[in-house]
Amino acid sequence: MRRHKSFSSEGEAIEYLRGMVPAHVYHSAAYYQFPGAGTMKEKKWEGADLIFDLDADHLPQKARSYAEMLANVKSETGKLLDFLLEDFGFGEDTIRVAFSGGRGYHIHVHDPRVLTLESPQRREIVDYLSGTGLRYEYFFEPEKRVVIDSGKFKKTEIESSKRITSFDDAEGFGWGKRISLYLIHFLKDISIKNDNEAIDEMKI
């Protein structure tokens, strides 16, 4: 393997590859001040793309065929892209998607805002995407009850019921919006089914 190579232009890189015709070619996800230096310290790291590697055989869904496996990872890649575009606000021009050649996709985000992120900050992005640490109380308001004294009798009334807070916000954002839209879609879907089908669906 020939490492620590750098080129001053695209044409120079192409000529190098034509001259040796390698079986495989890889490039670093990082940016260096001196990429051709012999040691990592001498290269002087300046930043790195935010990269996601989705492999079909690492997904929880079980596939019965290679085609189904690829369909599963393609679906998950679409979900990830939706998060990156909608929740993080990255532009389409800052995202590159490449088929890895056998079983998945590589997604590169080269937005200048992510280049200098350290490992803990990148882990926070992954935690957000996977819903790690997501707590339902952030999205649901608790039920409030008040006691009304009308003289002889006292009665308890519900002042506000449990609801997702972002229901009142047509725009919404983040996980709150996603949960709201999912529940709306789910309720609309079961509303057109007969009672038995709807009950079975809700049990699942």
N, C-alpha and C. Protein backbone atom coordinates (compact mmCIF):
# COMPACT_ATOMS: atom_id res chain seq x y z
N MET A 1 0.84 -1.19 0.00
CA MET A 1 0.00 0.00 0.00
C MET A 1 0.88 1.25 0.00
N ARG A 2 0.59 2.16 -0.90
CA ARG A 2 1.36 3.40 -0.98
C ARG A 2 0.58 4.51 -0.28
N ARG A 3 1.17 5.03 0.76
CA ARG A 3 0.48 6.04 1.58
C ARG A 3 1.23 7.38 1.53
N HIS A 4 0.61 8.36 2.21
CA HIS A 4 1.21 9.70 2.33
C HIS A 4 1.46 10.34 0.98
N LYS A 5 0.52 10.15 0.06
CA LYS A 5 0.64 10.76 -1.26
C LYS A 5 -0.20 12.03 -1.31
N SER A 6 0.29 13.02 -1.99
CA SER A 6 -0.48 14.26 -2.19
C SER A 6 -0.26 14.76 -3.61
N PHE A 7 -1.26 15.47 -4.13
CA PHE A 7 -1.20 15.95 -5.51
C PHE A 7 -1.65 17.41 -5.55
N SER A 8 -1.05 18.17 -6.42
CA SER A 8 -1.37 19.60 -6.50
C SER A 8 -2.57 19.87 -7.38
N SER A 9 -3.02 18.86 -8.13
CA SER A 9 -4.18 19.06 -9.00
C SER A 9 -4.86 17.73 -9.26
N GLU A 10 -6.09 17.78 -9.74
CA GLU A 10 -6.83 16.58 -10.08
C GLU A 10 -6.14 15.83 -11.22
N GLY A 11 -5.66 16.59 -12.18
CA GLY A 11 -4.97 15.98 -13.32
C GLY A 11 -3.75 15.20 -12.89
N GLU A 12 -3.01 15.74 -11.94
CA GLU A 12 -1.81 15.07 -11.45
C GLU A 12 -2.18 13.75 -10.78
N ALA A 13 -3.27 13.73 -10.03
CA ALA A 13 -3.73 12.51 -9.37
C ALA A 13 -4.15 11.46 -10.40
N ILE A 14 -4.85 11.89 -11.43
CA ILE A 14 -5.32 10.97 -12.46
C ILE A 14 -4.14 10.35 -13.20
N GLU A 15 -3.14 11.16 -13.52
CA GLU A 15 -1.96 10.64 -14.22
C GLU A 15 -1.21 9.62 -13.36
N TYR A 16 -1.16 9.87 -12.07
CA TYR A 16 -0.49 8.93 -11.15
C TYR A 16 -1.21 7.59 -11.16
N LEU A 17 -2.54 7.62 -11.11
CA LEU A 17 -3.32 6.39 -11.08
C LEU A 17 -3.24 5.64 -12.40
N ARG A 18 -3.23 6.38 -13.50
CA ARG A 18 -3.10 5.74 -14.81
C ARG A 18 -1.76 5.04 -14.95
N GLY A 19 -0.75 5.59 -14.32
CA GLY A 19 0.59 5.03 -14.45
C GLY A 19 0.78 3.74 -13.68
N MET A 20 0.00 3.54 -12.60
CA MET A 20 0.20 2.33 -11.80
C MET A 20 -1.02 1.41 -11.78
N VAL A 21 -2.20 1.92 -12.15
CA VAL A 21 -3.45 1.15 -12.22
C VAL A 21 -3.63 0.27 -10.97
N PRO A 22 -3.88 0.88 -9.83
CA PRO A 22 -4.04 0.10 -8.60
C PRO A 22 -5.38 -0.64 -8.55
N ALA A 23 -5.43 -1.69 -7.74
CA ALA A 23 -6.68 -2.44 -7.58
C ALA A 23 -7.70 -1.63 -6.78
N HIS A 24 -7.22 -0.84 -5.84
CA HIS A 24 -8.11 -0.04 -4.99
C HIS A 24 -7.46 1.32 -4.73
N VAL A 25 -8.31 2.33 -4.54
CA VAL A 25 -7.82 3.67 -4.22
C VAL A 25 -8.64 4.23 -3.07
N TYR A 26 -7.97 4.78 -2.07
CA TYR A 26 -8.65 5.36 -0.91
C TYR A 26 -8.11 6.77 -0.68
N HIS A 27 -8.94 7.60 -0.07
CA HIS A 27 -8.45 8.93 0.30
C HIS A 27 -8.84 9.21 1.74
N SER A 28 -8.08 10.05 2.37
CA SER A 28 -8.33 10.39 3.77
C SER A 28 -9.59 11.24 3.90
N ALA A 29 -10.29 11.08 5.00
CA ALA A 29 -11.46 11.91 5.28
C ALA A 29 -11.03 13.22 5.94
N ALA A 30 -9.76 13.31 6.28
CA ALA A 30 -9.24 14.50 6.97
C ALA A 30 -8.54 15.44 6.00
N TYR A 31 -8.36 16.67 6.47
CA TYR A 31 -7.65 17.68 5.70
C TYR A 31 -6.38 18.05 6.47
N TYR A 32 -5.27 18.13 5.74
CA TYR A 32 -3.98 18.42 6.37
C TYR A 32 -3.31 19.59 5.68
N GLN A 33 -2.49 20.28 6.45
CA GLN A 33 -1.73 21.39 5.88
C GLN A 33 -0.64 20.85 4.94
N PHE A 34 -0.05 19.71 5.35
CA PHE A 34 0.98 19.08 4.53
C PHE A 34 0.63 17.59 4.36
N PRO A 35 -0.32 17.27 3.49
CA PRO A 35 -0.78 15.88 3.36
C PRO A 35 0.28 14.89 2.89
N GLY A 36 1.34 15.35 2.25
CA GLY A 36 2.36 14.45 1.76
C GLY A 36 3.45 14.14 2.79
N ALA A 37 3.37 14.73 3.98
CA ALA A 37 4.38 14.49 5.01
C ALA A 37 4.38 13.03 5.44
N GLY A 38 5.54 12.55 5.90
CA GLY A 38 5.69 11.14 6.23
C GLY A 38 5.07 10.69 7.53
N THR A 39 4.81 11.61 8.47
CA THR A 39 4.20 11.23 9.75
C THR A 39 2.93 12.06 9.96
N MET A 40 2.03 11.53 10.79
CA MET A 40 0.76 12.22 11.04
C MET A 40 0.99 13.56 11.74
N LYS A 41 1.97 13.61 12.61
CA LYS A 41 2.25 14.86 13.31
C LYS A 41 2.72 15.94 12.35
N GLU A 42 3.54 15.55 11.39
CA GLU A 42 4.07 16.51 10.42
C GLU A 42 3.00 17.00 9.44
N LYS A 43 1.97 16.22 9.26
CA LYS A 43 0.92 16.61 8.32
C LYS A 43 0.15 17.84 8.80
N LYS A 44 0.00 18.00 10.13
CA LYS A 44 -0.73 19.12 10.75
C LYS A 44 -2.22 19.08 10.36
N TRP A 45 -2.95 18.33 11.14
CA TRP A 45 -4.38 18.12 10.94
C TRP A 45 -5.15 19.44 11.00
N GLU A 46 -6.06 19.65 10.06
CA GLU A 46 -6.85 20.89 10.02
C GLU A 46 -8.35 20.62 10.19
N GLY A 47 -8.77 19.39 9.97
CA GLY A 47 -10.19 19.08 10.11
C GLY A 47 -10.53 17.78 9.40
N ALA A 48 -11.79 17.37 9.50
CA ALA A 48 -12.22 16.13 8.85
C ALA A 48 -13.71 16.20 8.54
N ASP A 49 -14.10 15.56 7.45
CA ASP A 49 -15.51 15.46 7.12
C ASP A 49 -16.25 14.65 8.19
N LEU A 50 -17.55 14.85 8.25
CA LEU A 50 -18.40 14.03 9.11
C LEU A 50 -18.88 12.87 8.25
N ILE A 51 -18.52 11.65 8.63
CA ILE A 51 -18.78 10.49 7.76
C ILE A 51 -19.62 9.45 8.48
N PHE A 52 -20.59 8.90 7.74
CA PHE A 52 -21.43 7.80 8.24
C PHE A 52 -21.24 6.61 7.30
N ASP A 53 -21.05 5.45 7.89
CA ASP A 53 -20.85 4.22 7.12
C ASP A 53 -21.97 3.26 7.46
N LEU A 54 -22.88 3.05 6.52
CA LEU A 54 -24.02 2.15 6.75
C LEU A 54 -23.78 0.84 6.01
N ASP A 55 -23.71 -0.24 6.77
CA ASP A 55 -23.53 -1.57 6.19
C ASP A 55 -24.81 -2.38 6.36
N ALA A 56 -25.24 -3.01 5.29
CA ALA A 56 -26.50 -3.74 5.30
C ALA A 56 -26.51 -4.87 6.33
N ASP A 57 -25.37 -5.55 6.50
CA ASP A 57 -25.34 -6.69 7.41
C ASP A 57 -25.23 -6.29 8.87
N HIS A 58 -25.18 -5.00 9.14
CA HIS A 58 -25.16 -4.52 10.53
C HIS A 58 -26.52 -4.00 10.98
N LEU A 59 -27.49 -4.03 10.09
CA LEU A 59 -28.83 -3.54 10.43
C LEU A 59 -29.61 -4.60 11.18
N PRO A 60 -30.54 -4.17 12.06
CA PRO A 60 -31.34 -5.15 12.82
C PRO A 60 -32.33 -5.92 11.96
N GLN A 61 -32.74 -5.34 10.81
CA GLN A 61 -33.68 -6.04 9.94
C GLN A 61 -33.01 -7.26 9.30
N LYS A 62 -33.70 -8.37 9.34
CA LYS A 62 -33.19 -9.59 8.71
C LYS A 62 -33.67 -9.65 7.26
N ALA A 63 -32.73 -9.86 6.35
CA ALA A 63 -33.08 -9.92 4.92
C ALA A 63 -33.00 -11.36 4.43
N ARG A 64 -33.92 -11.71 3.52
CA ARG A 64 -33.96 -13.06 2.97
C ARG A 64 -33.17 -13.17 1.67
N SER A 65 -32.72 -12.05 1.16
CA SER A 65 -31.95 -12.08 -0.09
C SER A 65 -31.02 -10.87 -0.13
N TYR A 66 -30.09 -10.91 -1.05
CA TYR A 66 -29.15 -9.79 -1.22
C TYR A 66 -29.90 -8.53 -1.64
N ALA A 67 -30.88 -8.69 -2.52
CA ALA A 67 -31.66 -7.54 -2.98
C ALA A 67 -32.43 -6.90 -1.83
N GLU A 68 -33.00 -7.74 -0.97
CA GLU A 68 -33.74 -7.22 0.18
C GLU A 68 -32.79 -6.53 1.15
N MET A 69 -31.60 -7.07 1.32
CA MET A 69 -30.60 -6.48 2.19
C MET A 69 -30.23 -5.07 1.70
N LEU A 70 -30.04 -4.93 0.39
CA LEU A 70 -29.70 -3.63 -0.18
C LEU A 70 -30.87 -2.66 -0.06
N ALA A 71 -32.09 -3.19 -0.20
CA ALA A 71 -33.27 -2.34 -0.06
C ALA A 71 -33.37 -1.80 1.36
N ASN A 72 -33.04 -2.63 2.35
CA ASN A 72 -33.08 -2.20 3.75
C ASN A 72 -32.09 -1.07 4.02
N VAL A 73 -30.85 -1.26 3.55
CA VAL A 73 -29.84 -0.24 3.82
C VAL A 73 -30.11 1.03 3.03
N LYS A 74 -30.72 0.90 1.86
CA LYS A 74 -31.10 2.09 1.09
C LYS A 74 -32.17 2.89 1.83
N SER A 75 -33.12 2.19 2.44
CA SER A 75 -34.16 2.85 3.21
C SER A 75 -33.58 3.59 4.41
N GLU A 76 -32.64 2.94 5.13
CA GLU A 76 -32.02 3.56 6.30
C GLU A 76 -31.16 4.75 5.89
N THR A 77 -30.53 4.67 4.73
CA THR A 77 -29.74 5.80 4.22
C THR A 77 -30.64 7.00 3.95
N GLY A 78 -31.81 6.73 3.39
CA GLY A 78 -32.78 7.81 3.15
C GLY A 78 -33.20 8.48 4.45
N LYS A 79 -33.40 7.68 5.50
CA LYS A 79 -33.78 8.25 6.80
C LYS A 79 -32.67 9.14 7.35
N LEU A 80 -31.43 8.65 7.23
CA LEU A 80 -30.30 9.44 7.72
C LEU A 80 -30.18 10.76 6.97
N LEU A 81 -30.34 10.71 5.66
CA LEU A 81 -30.27 11.94 4.86
C LEU A 81 -31.36 12.92 5.28
N ASP A 82 -32.54 12.41 5.59
CA ASP A 82 -33.64 13.27 6.03
C ASP A 82 -33.27 13.99 7.32
N PHE A 83 -32.66 13.28 8.26
CA PHE A 83 -32.20 13.90 9.51
C PHE A 83 -31.16 14.98 9.24
N LEU A 84 -30.20 14.66 8.38
CA LEU A 84 -29.11 15.61 8.11
C LEU A 84 -29.63 16.88 7.45
N LEU A 85 -30.60 16.72 6.56
CA LEU A 85 -31.14 17.88 5.83
C LEU A 85 -32.14 18.66 6.68
N GLU A 86 -33.04 17.95 7.35
CA GLU A 86 -34.13 18.61 8.07
C GLU A 86 -33.74 19.05 9.48
N ASP A 87 -33.13 18.17 10.24
CA ASP A 87 -32.84 18.49 11.64
C ASP A 87 -31.55 19.30 11.81
N PHE A 88 -30.55 18.96 11.02
CA PHE A 88 -29.27 19.66 11.15
C PHE A 88 -29.11 20.81 10.16
N GLY A 89 -29.93 20.84 9.15
CA GLY A 89 -29.90 21.95 8.21
C GLY A 89 -28.73 21.96 7.26
N PHE A 90 -28.10 20.81 7.04
CA PHE A 90 -27.02 20.77 6.06
C PHE A 90 -27.60 20.90 4.66
N GLY A 91 -26.91 21.59 3.79
CA GLY A 91 -27.36 21.74 2.42
C GLY A 91 -27.03 20.52 1.59
N GLU A 92 -27.84 20.28 0.56
CA GLU A 92 -27.59 19.12 -0.31
C GLU A 92 -26.21 19.21 -0.96
N ASP A 93 -25.74 20.42 -1.18
CA ASP A 93 -24.44 20.58 -1.84
C ASP A 93 -23.27 20.26 -0.91
N THR A 94 -23.54 20.05 0.39
CA THR A 94 -22.47 19.72 1.34
C THR A 94 -22.47 18.23 1.69
N ILE A 95 -23.33 17.45 1.03
CA ILE A 95 -23.44 16.02 1.34
C ILE A 95 -23.14 15.19 0.10
N ARG A 96 -22.29 14.20 0.26
CA ARG A 96 -21.99 13.28 -0.83
C ARG A 96 -22.37 11.86 -0.38
N VAL A 97 -23.03 11.14 -1.25
CA VAL A 97 -23.42 9.76 -0.96
C VAL A 97 -22.75 8.84 -1.97
N ALA A 98 -22.12 7.79 -1.48
CA ALA A 98 -21.45 6.84 -2.38
C ALA A 98 -21.79 5.42 -1.98
N PHE A 99 -22.10 4.60 -2.96
CA PHE A 99 -22.33 3.18 -2.70
C PHE A 99 -20.98 2.56 -2.38
N SER A 100 -20.91 1.79 -1.31
CA SER A 100 -19.62 1.28 -0.85
C SER A 100 -19.09 0.14 -1.70
N GLY A 101 -19.90 -0.33 -2.64
CA GLY A 101 -19.41 -1.35 -3.55
C GLY A 101 -19.90 -2.75 -3.26
N GLY A 102 -20.66 -2.95 -2.20
CA GLY A 102 -21.13 -4.30 -1.92
C GLY A 102 -22.34 -4.38 -1.03
N ARG A 103 -22.31 -3.61 0.06
CA ARG A 103 -23.38 -3.83 1.03
C ARG A 103 -23.88 -2.56 1.73
N GLY A 104 -23.53 -1.41 1.26
CA GLY A 104 -24.02 -0.23 1.96
C GLY A 104 -23.62 1.08 1.32
N TYR A 105 -23.69 2.14 2.11
CA TYR A 105 -23.43 3.49 1.61
C TYR A 105 -22.53 4.25 2.58
N HIS A 106 -21.76 5.15 2.01
CA HIS A 106 -20.97 6.10 2.79
C HIS A 106 -21.56 7.49 2.56
N ILE A 107 -21.81 8.20 3.65
CA ILE A 107 -22.34 9.56 3.55
C ILE A 107 -21.30 10.51 4.12
N HIS A 108 -20.82 11.43 3.29
CA HIS A 108 -19.82 12.41 3.70
C HIS A 108 -20.47 13.79 3.81
N VAL A 109 -20.34 14.40 4.98
CA VAL A 109 -20.79 15.78 5.16
C VAL A 109 -19.55 16.65 5.21
N HIS A 110 -19.41 17.54 4.23
CA HIS A 110 -18.20 18.38 4.19
C HIS A 110 -18.55 19.85 4.43
N ASP A 111 -19.55 20.07 5.27
CA ASP A 111 -19.91 21.42 5.69
C ASP A 111 -18.78 21.99 6.55
N PRO A 112 -18.35 23.22 6.31
CA PRO A 112 -17.25 23.81 7.10
C PRO A 112 -17.49 23.79 8.60
N ARG A 113 -18.76 23.79 9.01
CA ARG A 113 -19.08 23.83 10.44
C ARG A 113 -18.75 22.53 11.17
N VAL A 114 -18.58 21.43 10.46
CA VAL A 114 -18.31 20.16 11.13
C VAL A 114 -16.84 19.75 11.05
N LEU A 115 -16.05 20.45 10.27
CA LEU A 115 -14.68 20.00 10.00
C LEU A 115 -13.84 19.88 11.26
N THR A 116 -13.97 20.80 12.19
CA THR A 116 -13.10 20.79 13.36
C THR A 116 -13.74 20.15 14.59
N LEU A 117 -14.88 19.47 14.42
CA LEU A 117 -15.52 18.81 15.56
C LEU A 117 -14.63 17.69 16.09
N GLU A 118 -14.55 17.59 17.42
CA GLU A 118 -13.78 16.52 18.05
C GLU A 118 -14.66 15.28 18.21
N SER A 119 -14.07 14.18 18.65
CA SER A 119 -14.80 12.91 18.77
C SER A 119 -16.03 13.00 19.67
N PRO A 120 -15.95 13.63 20.86
CA PRO A 120 -17.16 13.71 21.71
C PRO A 120 -18.30 14.48 21.04
N GLN A 121 -17.97 15.51 20.28
CA GLN A 121 -19.00 16.28 19.59
C GLN A 121 -19.63 15.47 18.47
N ARG A 122 -18.83 14.68 17.78
CA ARG A 122 -19.36 13.81 16.73
C ARG A 122 -20.23 12.70 17.33
N ARG A 123 -19.86 12.24 18.53
CA ARG A 123 -20.65 11.23 19.23
C ARG A 123 -22.03 11.78 19.60
N GLU A 124 -22.09 13.06 19.95
CA GLU A 124 -23.38 13.68 20.27
C GLU A 124 -24.31 13.67 19.06
N ILE A 125 -23.76 13.88 17.89
CA ILE A 125 -24.57 13.83 16.66
C ILE A 125 -25.12 12.44 16.46
N VAL A 126 -24.28 11.42 16.66
CA VAL A 126 -24.72 10.03 16.52
C VAL A 126 -25.80 9.70 17.56
N ASP A 127 -25.61 10.18 18.80
CA ASP A 127 -26.60 9.94 19.85
C ASP A 127 -27.94 10.56 19.49
N TYR A 128 -27.91 11.75 18.91
CA TYR A 128 -29.16 12.40 18.49
C TYR A 128 -29.84 11.58 17.40
N LEU A 129 -29.08 11.15 16.41
CA LEU A 129 -29.64 10.39 15.30
C LEU A 129 -30.25 9.07 15.77
N SER A 130 -29.62 8.44 16.75
CA SER A 130 -30.09 7.14 17.23
C SER A 130 -31.12 7.26 18.35
N GLY A 131 -31.38 8.49 18.79
CA GLY A 131 -32.36 8.69 19.87
C GLY A 131 -31.83 8.29 21.23
N THR A 132 -30.52 8.17 21.37
CA THR A 132 -29.93 7.80 22.65
C THR A 132 -30.20 8.87 23.71
N GLY A 133 -30.74 8.46 24.84
CA GLY A 133 -31.03 9.40 25.91
C GLY A 133 -32.31 10.20 25.71
N LEU A 134 -33.09 9.86 24.70
CA LEU A 134 -34.33 10.57 24.42
C LEU A 134 -35.32 10.29 25.54
N ARG A 135 -35.91 11.33 26.14
CA ARG A 135 -36.84 11.17 27.26
C ARG A 135 -38.21 11.71 26.88
N TYR A 136 -39.23 10.87 27.05
CA TYR A 136 -40.57 11.23 26.58
C TYR A 136 -41.13 12.45 27.29
N GLU A 137 -40.71 12.70 28.55
CA GLU A 137 -41.28 13.84 29.28
C GLU A 137 -40.91 15.18 28.65
N TYR A 138 -39.91 15.18 27.78
CA TYR A 138 -39.57 16.42 27.09
C TYR A 138 -40.60 16.78 26.03
N PHE A 139 -41.40 15.79 25.62
CA PHE A 139 -42.34 16.01 24.51
C PHE A 139 -43.80 15.96 24.93
N PHE A 140 -44.08 15.43 26.12
CA PHE A 140 -45.46 15.33 26.60
C PHE A 140 -45.67 16.21 27.81
N GLU A 141 -46.73 17.01 27.81
CA GLU A 141 -47.07 17.78 28.98
C GLU A 141 -47.91 16.90 29.91
N PRO A 142 -47.64 16.94 31.22
CA PRO A 142 -48.41 16.10 32.14
C PRO A 142 -49.86 16.58 32.26
N GLU A 143 -50.74 15.66 32.62
CA GLU A 143 -52.16 15.98 32.82
C GLU A 143 -52.32 16.79 34.09
N LYS A 144 -53.07 17.86 34.03
CA LYS A 144 -53.29 18.72 35.19
C LYS A 144 -54.75 18.65 35.62
N ARG A 145 -54.99 18.45 36.91
CA ARG A 145 -56.35 18.38 37.44
C ARG A 145 -56.56 19.46 38.48
N VAL A 146 -57.74 20.02 38.50
CA VAL A 146 -58.08 21.06 39.47
C VAL A 146 -59.36 20.66 40.20
N VAL A 147 -59.44 21.01 41.48
CA VAL A 147 -60.62 20.71 42.29
C VAL A 147 -61.50 21.95 42.36
N ILE A 148 -62.75 21.81 41.96
CA ILE A 148 -63.69 22.93 41.95
C ILE A 148 -64.67 22.76 43.09
N ASP A 149 -64.72 23.75 43.99
CA ASP A 149 -65.62 23.71 45.15
C ASP A 149 -66.86 24.55 44.83
N SER A 150 -67.99 23.86 44.63
CA SER A 150 -69.22 24.58 44.29
C SER A 150 -70.20 24.64 45.47
N GLY A 151 -69.67 24.56 46.67
CA GLY A 151 -70.53 24.62 47.85
C GLY A 151 -70.71 23.24 48.46
N LYS A 152 -71.81 22.59 48.12
CA LYS A 152 -72.09 21.28 48.68
C LYS A 152 -71.19 20.19 48.09
N PHE A 153 -70.83 20.37 46.87
CA PHE A 153 -70.07 19.33 46.18
C PHE A 153 -68.73 19.84 45.66
N LYS A 154 -67.80 18.93 45.61
CA LYS A 154 -66.50 19.22 45.01
C LYS A 154 -66.30 18.27 43.83
N LYS A 155 -65.78 18.78 42.79
CA LYS A 155 -65.52 17.93 41.64
C LYS A 155 -64.14 18.23 41.05
N THR A 156 -63.60 17.22 40.44
CA THR A 156 -62.28 17.34 39.85
C THR A 156 -62.41 17.40 38.33
N GLU A 157 -61.80 18.38 37.74
CA GLU A 157 -61.85 18.50 36.29
C GLU A 157 -60.43 18.53 35.73
N ILE A 158 -60.33 18.04 34.51
CA ILE A 158 -59.02 18.06 33.83
C ILE A 158 -58.82 19.44 33.22
N GLU A 159 -57.75 20.08 33.65
CA GLU A 159 -57.43 21.41 33.11
C GLU A 159 -56.74 21.30 31.77
N SER A 160 -55.85 20.35 31.63
CA SER A 160 -55.18 20.10 30.35
C SER A 160 -54.81 18.63 30.28
N SER A 161 -54.95 18.05 29.14
CA SER A 161 -54.66 16.63 28.98
C SER A 161 -53.25 16.44 28.43
N LYS A 162 -52.80 15.19 28.46
CA LYS A 162 -51.48 14.89 27.93
C LYS A 162 -51.47 15.10 26.42
N ARG A 163 -50.44 15.73 25.94
CA ARG A 163 -50.33 15.95 24.51
C ARG A 163 -48.86 16.18 24.18
N ILE A 164 -48.53 16.03 22.94
CA ILE A 164 -47.17 16.37 22.50
C ILE A 164 -47.11 17.88 22.31
N THR A 165 -46.15 18.50 22.93
CA THR A 165 -46.09 19.96 22.93
C THR A 165 -46.02 20.56 21.55
N SER A 166 -45.38 19.84 20.60
CA SER A 166 -45.22 20.43 19.27
C SER A 166 -46.47 20.31 18.40
N PHE A 167 -47.55 19.70 18.93
CA PHE A 167 -48.80 19.65 18.17
C PHE A 167 -49.31 21.05 17.86
N ASP A 168 -49.04 21.99 18.78
CA ASP A 168 -49.54 23.35 18.60
C ASP A 168 -48.64 24.19 17.71
N ASP A 169 -47.54 23.62 17.32
CA ASP A 169 -46.59 24.35 16.49
C ASP A 169 -46.58 23.73 15.09
N ALA A 170 -47.15 24.42 14.15
CA ALA A 170 -47.27 23.87 12.79
C ALA A 170 -45.90 23.56 12.20
N GLU A 171 -44.91 24.35 12.57
CA GLU A 171 -43.57 24.12 12.04
C GLU A 171 -42.89 23.00 12.81
N GLY A 172 -42.69 23.22 14.11
CA GLY A 172 -42.04 22.21 14.93
C GLY A 172 -40.59 21.98 14.51
N PHE A 173 -39.89 21.15 15.26
CA PHE A 173 -38.52 20.84 14.89
C PHE A 173 -38.07 19.60 15.67
N GLY A 174 -37.02 18.98 15.20
CA GLY A 174 -36.39 17.88 15.90
C GLY A 174 -37.28 16.68 16.15
N TRP A 175 -36.95 15.96 17.23
CA TRP A 175 -37.67 14.75 17.57
C TRP A 175 -39.13 15.02 17.91
N GLY A 176 -39.42 16.18 18.51
CA GLY A 176 -40.81 16.52 18.82
C GLY A 176 -41.67 16.53 17.58
N LYS A 177 -41.18 17.15 16.52
CA LYS A 177 -41.92 17.20 15.26
C LYS A 177 -42.06 15.80 14.67
N ARG A 178 -41.01 15.02 14.73
CA ARG A 178 -41.05 13.69 14.15
C ARG A 178 -42.05 12.79 14.88
N ILE A 179 -42.08 12.87 16.20
CA ILE A 179 -43.03 12.07 16.97
C ILE A 179 -44.46 12.52 16.68
N SER A 180 -44.65 13.83 16.58
CA SER A 180 -45.98 14.37 16.27
C SER A 180 -46.48 13.85 14.93
N LEU A 181 -45.65 13.95 13.92
CA LEU A 181 -46.04 13.53 12.58
C LEU A 181 -46.31 12.03 12.52
N TYR A 182 -45.51 11.26 13.27
CA TYR A 182 -45.73 9.82 13.28
C TYR A 182 -47.09 9.48 13.90
N LEU A 183 -47.41 10.11 15.03
CA LEU A 183 -48.68 9.82 15.69
C LEU A 183 -49.87 10.27 14.85
N ILE A 184 -49.73 11.42 14.20
CA ILE A 184 -50.81 11.90 13.33
C ILE A 184 -51.04 10.91 12.20
N HIS A 185 -49.96 10.45 11.59
CA HIS A 185 -50.07 9.48 10.50
C HIS A 185 -50.69 8.17 11.01
N PHE A 186 -50.26 7.73 12.18
CA PHE A 186 -50.77 6.48 12.76
C PHE A 186 -52.26 6.58 13.04
N LEU A 187 -52.69 7.69 13.65
CA LEU A 187 -54.10 7.85 13.98
C LEU A 187 -54.97 7.97 12.73
N LYS A 188 -54.46 8.67 11.72
CA LYS A 188 -55.21 8.77 10.47
C LYS A 188 -55.34 7.40 9.81
N ASP A 189 -54.27 6.61 9.92
CA ASP A 189 -54.28 5.29 9.29
C ASP A 189 -55.31 4.36 9.95
N ILE A 190 -55.37 4.33 11.28
CA ILE A 190 -56.30 3.42 11.94
C ILE A 190 -57.73 3.96 11.91
N SER A 191 -57.89 5.26 11.64
CA SER A 191 -59.24 5.83 11.62
C SER A 191 -60.08 5.31 10.45
N ILE A 192 -59.42 4.82 9.41
CA ILE A 192 -60.15 4.32 8.25
C ILE A 192 -60.33 2.80 8.29
N LYS A 193 -59.87 2.18 9.38
CA LYS A 193 -60.02 0.74 9.52
C LYS A 193 -61.25 0.43 10.37
N ASN A 194 -61.74 -0.81 10.28
CA ASN A 194 -62.86 -1.18 11.14
C ASN A 194 -62.37 -1.35 12.58
N ASP A 195 -63.28 -1.44 13.51
CA ASP A 195 -62.91 -1.45 14.94
C ASP A 195 -61.94 -2.57 15.29
N ASN A 196 -62.19 -3.76 14.79
CA ASN A 196 -61.33 -4.89 15.13
C ASN A 196 -59.91 -4.71 14.60
N GLU A 197 -59.80 -4.25 13.35
CA GLU A 197 -58.48 -4.02 12.76
C GLU A 197 -57.74 -2.92 13.51
N ALA A 198 -58.47 -1.85 13.87
CA ALA A 198 -57.85 -0.74 14.60
C ALA A 198 -57.35 -1.18 15.96
N ILE A 199 -58.15 -1.99 16.66
CA ILE A 199 -57.74 -2.49 17.98
C ILE A 199 -56.51 -3.39 17.87
N ASP A 200 -56.51 -4.26 16.86
CA ASP A 200 -55.35 -5.14 16.67
C ASP A 200 -54.09 -4.33 16.36
N GLU A 201 -54.25 -3.29 15.55
CA GLU A 201 -53.12 -2.43 15.18
C GLU A 201 -52.56 -1.72 16.42
N MET A 202 -53.44 -1.25 17.30
CA MET A 202 -53.00 -0.53 18.49
C MET A 202 -52.35 -1.48 19.50
N LYS A 203 -52.76 -2.73 19.50
CA LYS A 203 -52.13 -3.72 20.40
C LYS A 203 -50.70 -3.98 20.00
N ILE A 204 -50.43 -3.94 18.70
CA ILE A 204 -49.08 -4.18 18.21
C ILE A 204 -48.14 -3.07 18.65
